[in-house]
């Protein structure tokens, strides 16, 4: 890989193109999108959280701890709630056709999402 290239789990950026996985989510790898850099108008990094639903799931999961048999269901429900509260990194790539292509990943991949967004932003707005 040359010094003008960047690549991680969110995509690859070369001198004149960006390849990423649109509609990538927790359980979906998304579909590969290959776009010339000149067609990319902006990139955004954000954290997607669902705190209310996450707190509800945590409380339901914890309530299930009162019964030894229900703990088997309570642990994954509480874990999902914790993940929803923690938040997922989200990278949104906007192209010249006003196509917003969103990529989400697990909460512990925030660094990779930020690096991809920063590298693409640096390539787009180099002076």
N, C-alpha and C. Protein backbone atom coordinates (compact mmCIF):
# COMPACT_ATOMS: atom_id res chain seq x y z
N UNK A 1 0.85 -1.18 0.00
CA UNK A 1 0.00 0.00 0.00
C UNK A 1 0.90 1.24 0.00
N UNK A 2 0.62 2.18 -0.88
CA UNK A 2 1.44 3.38 -0.97
C UNK A 2 1.10 4.35 0.14
N UNK A 3 1.92 5.37 0.29
CA UNK A 3 1.68 6.34 1.35
C UNK A 3 0.46 7.22 1.06
N UNK A 4 -0.02 7.21 -0.18
CA UNK A 4 -1.19 8.00 -0.54
C UNK A 4 -2.48 7.20 -0.40
N UNK A 5 -2.39 6.03 0.18
CA UNK A 5 -3.55 5.16 0.33
C UNK A 5 -3.87 4.95 1.80
N UNK A 6 -5.16 4.81 2.08
CA UNK A 6 -5.61 4.51 3.43
C UNK A 6 -6.61 3.37 3.32
N UNK A 7 -6.54 2.43 4.26
CA UNK A 7 -7.48 1.32 4.23
C UNK A 7 -7.73 0.82 5.64
N UNK A 8 -9.00 0.56 5.96
CA UNK A 8 -9.37 -0.11 7.20
C UNK A 8 -10.72 -0.79 6.98
N UNK A 9 -11.38 -1.23 8.05
CA UNK A 9 -12.62 -1.99 7.93
C UNK A 9 -13.76 -1.20 7.29
N UNK A 10 -13.66 0.12 7.27
CA UNK A 10 -14.72 0.94 6.69
C UNK A 10 -14.53 1.16 5.20
N UNK A 11 -13.31 1.05 4.70
CA UNK A 11 -13.10 1.22 3.28
C UNK A 11 -11.66 1.55 2.94
N UNK A 12 -11.46 1.87 1.66
CA UNK A 12 -10.14 2.18 1.14
C UNK A 12 -10.19 3.51 0.40
N UNK A 13 -9.18 4.33 0.61
CA UNK A 13 -9.09 5.61 -0.06
C UNK A 13 -7.78 5.62 -0.84
N UNK A 14 -7.88 5.85 -2.16
CA UNK A 14 -6.69 5.95 -3.00
C UNK A 14 -6.57 7.38 -3.50
N UNK A 15 -5.67 7.59 -4.43
CA UNK A 15 -5.41 8.94 -4.94
C UNK A 15 -6.66 9.57 -5.56
N UNK A 16 -7.48 8.78 -6.24
CA UNK A 16 -8.64 9.37 -6.93
C UNK A 16 -9.96 8.65 -6.69
N UNK A 17 -9.98 7.63 -5.83
CA UNK A 17 -11.22 6.88 -5.58
C UNK A 17 -11.37 6.56 -4.09
N UNK A 18 -12.62 6.30 -3.71
CA UNK A 18 -12.91 5.81 -2.37
C UNK A 18 -13.83 4.60 -2.53
N UNK A 19 -13.49 3.55 -1.82
CA UNK A 19 -14.30 2.33 -1.81
C UNK A 19 -14.74 2.11 -0.37
N UNK A 20 -16.05 1.96 -0.18
CA UNK A 20 -16.59 1.77 1.15
C UNK A 20 -17.77 0.81 1.09
N UNK A 21 -18.30 0.46 2.23
CA UNK A 21 -19.38 -0.52 2.31
C UNK A 21 -20.65 0.18 2.79
N UNK A 22 -21.49 0.61 1.85
CA UNK A 22 -22.70 1.34 2.21
C UNK A 22 -23.70 0.40 2.88
N UNK A 23 -24.45 0.95 3.77
CA UNK A 23 -25.44 0.23 4.58
C UNK A 23 -24.79 -0.85 5.46
N UNK A 24 -23.53 -0.65 5.82
CA UNK A 24 -22.83 -1.54 6.75
C UNK A 24 -23.43 -1.32 8.13
N UNK A 25 -23.68 -2.41 8.85
CA UNK A 25 -24.24 -2.30 10.19
C UNK A 25 -23.65 -3.40 11.07
N UNK A 26 -24.21 -3.58 12.25
CA UNK A 26 -23.69 -4.57 13.19
C UNK A 26 -23.65 -5.97 12.59
N UNK A 27 -24.71 -6.36 11.92
CA UNK A 27 -24.80 -7.73 11.42
C UNK A 27 -24.74 -7.82 9.91
N UNK A 28 -24.50 -6.73 9.23
CA UNK A 28 -24.45 -6.72 7.77
C UNK A 28 -23.14 -6.09 7.31
N UNK A 29 -22.49 -6.72 6.37
CA UNK A 29 -21.25 -6.18 5.83
C UNK A 29 -21.49 -5.05 4.85
N UNK A 30 -22.73 -4.87 4.42
CA UNK A 30 -23.04 -3.81 3.47
C UNK A 30 -22.67 -4.21 2.06
N UNK A 31 -22.93 -3.32 1.15
CA UNK A 31 -22.57 -3.56 -0.25
C UNK A 31 -21.44 -2.62 -0.64
N UNK A 32 -20.53 -3.13 -1.43
CA UNK A 32 -19.35 -2.36 -1.81
C UNK A 32 -19.72 -1.25 -2.78
N UNK A 33 -19.24 -0.07 -2.50
CA UNK A 33 -19.48 1.11 -3.33
C UNK A 33 -18.12 1.68 -3.71
N UNK A 34 -17.91 1.91 -4.98
CA UNK A 34 -16.65 2.45 -5.49
C UNK A 34 -16.95 3.77 -6.19
N UNK A 35 -16.48 4.88 -5.64
CA UNK A 35 -16.85 6.21 -6.13
C UNK A 35 -15.60 7.04 -6.38
N UNK A 36 -15.57 7.79 -7.49
CA UNK A 36 -14.46 8.73 -7.69
C UNK A 36 -14.48 9.81 -6.60
N UNK A 37 -13.33 10.20 -6.11
CA UNK A 37 -13.26 11.21 -5.05
C UNK A 37 -13.95 12.52 -5.45
N UNK A 38 -13.91 12.85 -6.73
CA UNK A 38 -14.51 14.11 -7.17
C UNK A 38 -16.05 14.09 -7.02
N UNK A 39 -16.64 12.92 -6.84
CA UNK A 39 -18.09 12.82 -6.65
C UNK A 39 -18.50 12.84 -5.18
N UNK A 40 -17.53 12.76 -4.28
CA UNK A 40 -17.82 12.81 -2.85
C UNK A 40 -17.85 14.27 -2.42
N UNK A 41 -18.97 14.70 -1.83
CA UNK A 41 -19.10 16.10 -1.43
C UNK A 41 -18.80 16.32 0.05
N UNK A 42 -19.07 15.32 0.89
CA UNK A 42 -18.78 15.48 2.32
C UNK A 42 -18.72 14.13 3.01
N UNK A 43 -18.15 14.14 4.20
CA UNK A 43 -18.09 12.94 5.04
C UNK A 43 -18.34 13.40 6.47
N UNK A 44 -19.09 12.59 7.21
CA UNK A 44 -19.44 12.95 8.59
C UNK A 44 -19.22 11.73 9.49
N UNK A 45 -18.66 11.99 10.65
CA UNK A 45 -18.50 10.96 11.69
C UNK A 45 -19.43 11.32 12.83
N UNK A 46 -20.16 10.33 13.33
CA UNK A 46 -21.12 10.58 14.39
C UNK A 46 -21.24 9.32 15.25
N UNK A 47 -21.89 9.47 16.39
CA UNK A 47 -22.19 8.33 17.27
C UNK A 47 -23.71 8.18 17.29
N UNK A 48 -24.19 7.00 16.90
CA UNK A 48 -25.63 6.72 16.90
C UNK A 48 -25.97 6.00 18.20
N UNK A 49 -26.83 6.64 19.01
CA UNK A 49 -27.23 6.06 20.30
C UNK A 49 -28.75 5.94 20.34
N UNK A 50 -29.21 4.98 21.09
CA UNK A 50 -30.62 4.86 21.38
C UNK A 50 -30.72 4.65 22.89
N UNK A 51 -30.52 5.75 23.62
CA UNK A 51 -30.39 5.68 25.07
C UNK A 51 -31.68 5.22 25.75
N UNK A 52 -32.83 5.72 25.32
CA UNK A 52 -34.08 5.37 25.98
C UNK A 52 -34.36 3.88 25.85
N UNK A 53 -34.32 3.37 24.63
CA UNK A 53 -34.56 1.94 24.41
C UNK A 53 -33.48 1.10 25.10
N UNK A 54 -32.23 1.58 25.09
CA UNK A 54 -31.14 0.87 25.75
C UNK A 54 -31.36 0.75 27.25
N UNK A 55 -31.78 1.84 27.89
CA UNK A 55 -32.02 1.82 29.34
C UNK A 55 -33.18 0.87 29.66
N UNK A 56 -34.22 0.90 28.83
CA UNK A 56 -35.35 -0.01 29.04
C UNK A 56 -34.89 -1.46 28.96
N UNK A 57 -34.06 -1.78 27.96
CA UNK A 57 -33.56 -3.16 27.83
C UNK A 57 -32.68 -3.55 29.01
N UNK A 58 -31.85 -2.63 29.49
CA UNK A 58 -31.00 -2.93 30.65
C UNK A 58 -31.87 -3.22 31.87
N UNK A 59 -32.89 -2.41 32.08
CA UNK A 59 -33.78 -2.62 33.24
C UNK A 59 -34.55 -3.94 33.13
N UNK A 60 -35.03 -4.26 31.93
CA UNK A 60 -35.74 -5.53 31.73
C UNK A 60 -34.77 -6.70 31.97
N UNK A 61 -33.56 -6.59 31.43
CA UNK A 61 -32.57 -7.64 31.63
C UNK A 61 -32.21 -7.84 33.08
N UNK A 62 -32.04 -6.73 33.81
CA UNK A 62 -31.72 -6.83 35.23
C UNK A 62 -32.89 -7.40 36.03
N UNK A 63 -34.11 -7.06 35.63
CA UNK A 63 -35.28 -7.61 36.33
C UNK A 63 -35.35 -9.12 36.17
N UNK A 64 -34.85 -9.64 35.06
CA UNK A 64 -34.87 -11.08 34.82
C UNK A 64 -33.86 -11.82 35.69
N UNK A 65 -32.94 -11.10 36.32
CA UNK A 65 -31.94 -11.73 37.17
C UNK A 65 -32.56 -12.29 38.45
N UNK A 66 -33.79 -11.93 38.75
CA UNK A 66 -34.44 -12.40 39.97
C UNK A 66 -34.79 -13.89 39.91
N UNK A 67 -34.92 -14.41 38.70
CA UNK A 67 -35.22 -15.83 38.53
C UNK A 67 -34.02 -16.53 37.91
N UNK A 68 -33.53 -17.62 38.51
CA UNK A 68 -32.36 -18.31 37.97
C UNK A 68 -32.52 -18.76 36.51
N UNK A 69 -33.72 -19.16 36.13
CA UNK A 69 -33.94 -19.61 34.75
C UNK A 69 -34.00 -18.44 33.79
N UNK A 70 -34.49 -17.30 34.24
CA UNK A 70 -34.63 -16.13 33.37
C UNK A 70 -33.31 -15.41 33.14
N UNK A 71 -32.30 -15.71 33.96
CA UNK A 71 -30.99 -15.06 33.79
C UNK A 71 -30.42 -15.34 32.40
N UNK A 72 -30.73 -16.52 31.87
CA UNK A 72 -30.23 -16.89 30.54
C UNK A 72 -30.71 -15.88 29.49
N UNK A 73 -31.91 -15.38 29.63
CA UNK A 73 -32.42 -14.35 28.72
C UNK A 73 -32.03 -12.94 29.17
N UNK A 74 -31.91 -12.75 30.47
CA UNK A 74 -31.61 -11.43 31.00
C UNK A 74 -30.25 -10.90 30.62
N UNK A 75 -29.25 -11.78 30.60
CA UNK A 75 -27.89 -11.35 30.28
C UNK A 75 -27.79 -10.78 28.85
N UNK A 76 -28.25 -11.49 27.80
CA UNK A 76 -28.13 -10.89 26.47
C UNK A 76 -29.01 -9.65 26.28
N UNK A 77 -30.16 -9.60 26.94
CA UNK A 77 -31.02 -8.42 26.83
C UNK A 77 -30.33 -7.21 27.47
N UNK A 78 -29.76 -7.40 28.64
CA UNK A 78 -29.04 -6.31 29.30
C UNK A 78 -27.80 -5.90 28.50
N UNK A 79 -27.10 -6.89 27.92
CA UNK A 79 -25.92 -6.58 27.11
C UNK A 79 -26.29 -5.75 25.88
N UNK A 80 -27.38 -6.10 25.22
CA UNK A 80 -27.84 -5.33 24.07
C UNK A 80 -28.19 -3.91 24.48
N UNK A 81 -28.84 -3.76 25.63
CA UNK A 81 -29.16 -2.43 26.14
C UNK A 81 -27.92 -1.60 26.39
N UNK A 82 -26.89 -2.23 26.96
CA UNK A 82 -25.63 -1.52 27.21
C UNK A 82 -25.01 -1.06 25.89
N UNK A 83 -25.03 -1.93 24.88
CA UNK A 83 -24.49 -1.54 23.57
C UNK A 83 -25.25 -0.37 22.96
N UNK A 84 -26.57 -0.36 23.12
CA UNK A 84 -27.38 0.74 22.57
C UNK A 84 -27.10 2.06 23.28
N UNK A 85 -26.86 2.00 24.58
CA UNK A 85 -26.54 3.21 25.33
C UNK A 85 -25.13 3.68 24.99
N UNK A 86 -24.19 2.76 24.84
CA UNK A 86 -22.80 3.07 24.53
C UNK A 86 -22.73 3.81 23.19
N UNK A 87 -23.48 3.36 22.20
CA UNK A 87 -23.53 4.03 20.91
C UNK A 87 -22.60 3.41 19.89
N UNK A 88 -23.03 3.47 18.64
CA UNK A 88 -22.27 2.90 17.53
C UNK A 88 -21.64 4.02 16.70
N UNK A 89 -20.39 3.83 16.28
CA UNK A 89 -19.79 4.82 15.39
C UNK A 89 -20.48 4.76 14.03
N UNK A 90 -20.67 5.92 13.44
CA UNK A 90 -21.36 6.00 12.17
C UNK A 90 -20.60 6.97 11.26
N UNK A 91 -20.31 6.50 10.04
CA UNK A 91 -19.69 7.35 9.03
C UNK A 91 -20.70 7.52 7.91
N UNK A 92 -20.96 8.76 7.54
CA UNK A 92 -21.90 9.06 6.46
C UNK A 92 -21.14 9.74 5.34
N UNK A 93 -21.17 9.12 4.16
CA UNK A 93 -20.52 9.68 2.97
C UNK A 93 -21.61 10.22 2.06
N UNK A 94 -21.49 11.50 1.69
CA UNK A 94 -22.45 12.13 0.80
C UNK A 94 -21.81 12.31 -0.57
N UNK A 95 -22.51 11.87 -1.61
CA UNK A 95 -21.98 12.00 -2.97
C UNK A 95 -22.73 13.11 -3.71
N UNK A 96 -22.26 13.45 -4.89
CA UNK A 96 -22.82 14.56 -5.64
C UNK A 96 -24.29 14.36 -6.01
N UNK A 97 -24.78 13.14 -6.04
CA UNK A 97 -26.18 12.89 -6.30
C UNK A 97 -27.03 12.98 -5.04
N UNK A 98 -26.48 13.60 -3.97
CA UNK A 98 -27.14 13.69 -2.66
C UNK A 98 -27.48 12.32 -2.10
N UNK A 99 -26.66 11.33 -2.38
CA UNK A 99 -26.82 9.99 -1.82
C UNK A 99 -26.08 9.94 -0.49
N UNK A 100 -26.82 9.74 0.58
CA UNK A 100 -26.21 9.58 1.91
C UNK A 100 -25.99 8.10 2.15
N UNK A 101 -24.74 7.70 2.19
CA UNK A 101 -24.38 6.30 2.42
C UNK A 101 -23.85 6.16 3.84
N UNK A 102 -24.58 5.40 4.65
CA UNK A 102 -24.26 5.26 6.06
C UNK A 102 -23.57 3.93 6.35
N UNK A 103 -22.55 4.00 7.19
CA UNK A 103 -21.85 2.81 7.66
C UNK A 103 -21.82 2.86 9.18
N UNK A 104 -22.29 1.81 9.82
CA UNK A 104 -22.25 1.70 11.27
C UNK A 104 -21.43 0.48 11.64
N UNK A 105 -20.89 0.50 12.85
CA UNK A 105 -20.14 -0.66 13.32
C UNK A 105 -20.34 -0.80 14.83
N UNK A 106 -19.70 -1.81 15.39
CA UNK A 106 -19.78 -2.06 16.83
C UNK A 106 -19.14 -0.91 17.59
N UNK A 107 -19.58 -0.65 18.81
CA UNK A 107 -19.07 0.49 19.58
C UNK A 107 -17.55 0.52 19.75
N UNK A 108 -16.91 -0.63 19.81
CA UNK A 108 -15.46 -0.64 20.03
C UNK A 108 -14.68 -0.33 18.75
N UNK A 109 -15.36 -0.06 17.64
CA UNK A 109 -14.68 0.31 16.39
C UNK A 109 -14.71 1.81 16.13
N UNK A 110 -14.89 2.60 17.17
CA UNK A 110 -14.95 4.06 17.01
C UNK A 110 -13.68 4.63 16.41
N UNK A 111 -12.55 4.12 16.84
CA UNK A 111 -11.27 4.62 16.33
C UNK A 111 -11.14 4.43 14.83
N UNK A 112 -11.52 3.26 14.34
CA UNK A 112 -11.44 2.98 12.90
C UNK A 112 -12.39 3.88 12.11
N UNK A 113 -13.58 4.12 12.65
CA UNK A 113 -14.54 5.00 11.97
C UNK A 113 -14.00 6.42 11.91
N UNK A 114 -13.45 6.90 13.01
CA UNK A 114 -12.89 8.26 13.04
C UNK A 114 -11.71 8.38 12.09
N UNK A 115 -10.84 7.37 12.05
CA UNK A 115 -9.68 7.39 11.15
C UNK A 115 -10.12 7.44 9.69
N UNK A 116 -11.14 6.63 9.32
CA UNK A 116 -11.62 6.62 7.95
C UNK A 116 -12.20 7.98 7.57
N UNK A 117 -13.04 8.54 8.44
CA UNK A 117 -13.64 9.85 8.16
C UNK A 117 -12.57 10.94 8.05
N UNK A 118 -11.59 10.92 8.94
CA UNK A 118 -10.51 11.91 8.91
C UNK A 118 -9.67 11.78 7.65
N UNK A 119 -9.34 10.54 7.27
CA UNK A 119 -8.52 10.33 6.07
C UNK A 119 -9.28 10.79 4.81
N UNK A 120 -10.56 10.49 4.74
CA UNK A 120 -11.35 10.91 3.59
C UNK A 120 -11.50 12.43 3.57
N UNK A 121 -11.75 13.02 4.70
CA UNK A 121 -11.88 14.48 4.79
C UNK A 121 -10.57 15.15 4.37
N UNK A 122 -9.44 14.60 4.81
CA UNK A 122 -8.13 15.15 4.46
C UNK A 122 -7.91 15.07 2.95
N UNK A 123 -8.33 13.97 2.35
CA UNK A 123 -8.17 13.78 0.91
C UNK A 123 -9.09 14.73 0.13
N UNK A 124 -10.28 14.94 0.62
CA UNK A 124 -11.25 15.79 -0.06
C UNK A 124 -10.88 17.27 -0.01
N UNK A 125 -10.40 17.71 1.14
CA UNK A 125 -10.19 19.13 1.35
C UNK A 125 -8.72 19.49 1.50
N UNK A 126 -7.86 18.81 0.74
CA UNK A 126 -6.44 19.13 0.80
C UNK A 126 -6.21 20.49 0.11
N UNK A 127 -5.36 21.26 0.71
CA UNK A 127 -5.08 22.62 0.16
C UNK A 127 -3.71 22.69 -0.42
